[in-house]
């Protein structure tokens, strides 16, 4: 209600550079800021796109470097097959460990 009564004054303060915290039931909801401050918060779309492309390029370069450092083994297995075998091997280890512990008790 206070905001409705003082809207003109509040807008003048925000346009002068003051950040106004808007609350409902003593809980913060939003800030009212000047257009200039809002523009600084909102990145330029072209710049944002360029940053995202640069990040993707960096990830792809990192992936290429990792593939050089850690090439796939020449065992004829696909990555999915290797993962399945590794999963099965570990499951078997867990099963044996649980069985031997059960036998001890």
Protein backbone atom coordinates (compact mmCIF):
# COMPACT_ATOMS: atom_id res chain seq x y z
CA UNK A 1 0.00 0.00 0.00
CA UNK A 2 2.88 2.33 0.84
CA UNK A 3 4.28 1.80 -2.65
CA UNK A 4 0.97 2.69 -4.27
CA UNK A 5 0.72 5.93 -2.27
CA UNK A 6 4.32 6.93 -2.97
CA UNK A 7 4.80 5.53 -6.49
CA UNK A 8 5.91 8.84 -8.03
CA UNK A 9 8.48 9.43 -5.29
CA UNK A 10 9.74 5.83 -5.50
CA UNK A 11 10.12 6.01 -9.29
CA UNK A 12 12.02 9.30 -8.98
CA UNK A 13 14.41 7.73 -6.46
CA UNK A 14 14.98 4.66 -8.65
CA UNK A 15 15.60 6.75 -11.76
CA UNK A 16 18.15 8.75 -9.76
CA UNK A 17 20.14 5.56 -9.14
CA UNK A 18 18.72 4.31 -5.84
CA UNK A 19 17.88 0.60 -5.63
CA UNK A 20 14.47 0.06 -4.08
CA UNK A 21 13.77 -3.27 -2.38
CA UNK A 22 10.15 -4.32 -2.81
CA UNK A 23 8.77 -6.55 -0.05
CA UNK A 24 5.47 -8.29 0.63
CA UNK A 25 4.72 -9.41 4.17
CA UNK A 26 8.29 -8.45 5.13
CA UNK A 27 9.69 -10.85 2.51
CA UNK A 28 11.88 -9.47 -0.29
CA UNK A 29 10.37 -9.89 -3.76
CA UNK A 30 12.30 -7.68 -6.16
CA UNK A 31 14.46 -4.63 -6.67
CA UNK A 32 13.34 -1.57 -8.58
CA UNK A 33 16.36 -0.08 -10.34
CA UNK A 34 17.03 2.60 -12.92
CA UNK A 35 17.02 1.70 -16.60
CA UNK A 36 20.80 2.20 -16.71
CA UNK A 37 21.35 -0.24 -13.84
CA UNK A 38 18.98 -2.71 -15.46
CA UNK A 39 20.89 -2.47 -18.75
CA UNK A 40 24.14 -3.25 -16.93
CA UNK A 41 22.51 -6.37 -15.45
CA UNK A 42 21.23 -7.55 -18.82
CA UNK A 43 24.18 -8.62 -21.02
CA UNK A 44 24.20 -7.80 -24.69
CA UNK A 45 22.73 -10.77 -26.61
CA UNK A 46 25.59 -10.82 -29.13
CA UNK A 47 28.15 -10.76 -26.32
CA UNK A 48 26.30 -13.50 -24.46
CA UNK A 49 26.23 -15.66 -27.61
CA UNK A 50 29.95 -15.07 -28.17
CA UNK A 51 30.69 -16.11 -24.57
CA UNK A 52 28.67 -19.30 -24.94
CA UNK A 53 30.37 -20.19 -28.23
CA UNK A 54 33.78 -19.56 -26.64
CA UNK A 55 32.84 -21.84 -23.73
CA UNK A 56 31.76 -24.61 -26.12
CA UNK A 57 34.98 -24.21 -28.14
CA UNK A 58 36.97 -24.49 -24.92
CA UNK A 59 35.12 -27.67 -23.92
CA UNK A 60 35.66 -29.20 -27.34
CA UNK A 61 39.38 -28.36 -27.23
CA UNK A 62 39.60 -29.91 -23.76
CA UNK A 63 37.88 -33.06 -25.04
CA UNK A 64 40.33 -33.30 -27.95
CA UNK A 65 43.26 -32.92 -25.56
CA UNK A 66 41.88 -35.63 -23.25
CA UNK A 67 41.44 -37.98 -26.22
CA UNK A 68 45.12 -37.42 -27.10
CA UNK A 69 46.29 -37.99 -23.54
CA UNK A 70 43.97 -40.94 -22.87
CA UNK A 71 43.17 -42.70 -26.15
CA UNK A 72 40.60 -45.47 -26.24
CA UNK A 73 42.16 -48.89 -25.62
CA UNK A 74 42.51 -51.05 -28.69
CA UNK A 75 40.55 -53.97 -27.22
CA UNK A 76 37.72 -53.90 -29.73
CA UNK A 77 35.13 -52.78 -27.21
CA UNK A 78 32.96 -49.74 -27.59
CA UNK A 79 32.80 -47.36 -24.66
CA UNK A 80 29.31 -48.63 -23.81
CA UNK A 81 30.52 -52.25 -23.86
CA UNK A 82 33.50 -51.39 -21.67
CA UNK A 83 31.26 -49.57 -19.19
CA UNK A 84 28.89 -52.57 -19.05
CA UNK A 85 31.80 -54.97 -18.42
CA UNK A 86 33.23 -52.67 -15.73
CA UNK A 87 29.82 -52.40 -14.08
CA UNK A 88 29.39 -56.18 -14.12
CA UNK A 89 32.91 -56.72 -12.75
CA UNK A 90 32.32 -54.34 -9.85
CA UNK A 91 28.89 -55.81 -9.13
CA UNK A 92 30.51 -59.25 -8.96
CA UNK A 93 33.19 -57.93 -6.54
CA UNK A 94 30.49 -56.47 -4.30
CA UNK A 95 28.51 -59.68 -4.44
CA UNK A 96 31.57 -61.78 -3.49
CA UNK A 97 32.47 -59.42 -0.65
CA UNK A 98 28.91 -59.54 0.70
CA UNK A 99 28.83 -63.35 0.40
CA UNK A 100 32.13 -63.77 2.26
CA UNK A 101 30.96 -61.42 4.99
CA UNK A 102 27.70 -63.39 5.24
CA UNK A 103 29.73 -66.63 5.53
CA UNK A 104 31.82 -65.10 8.36
CA UNK A 105 28.74 -64.31 10.43
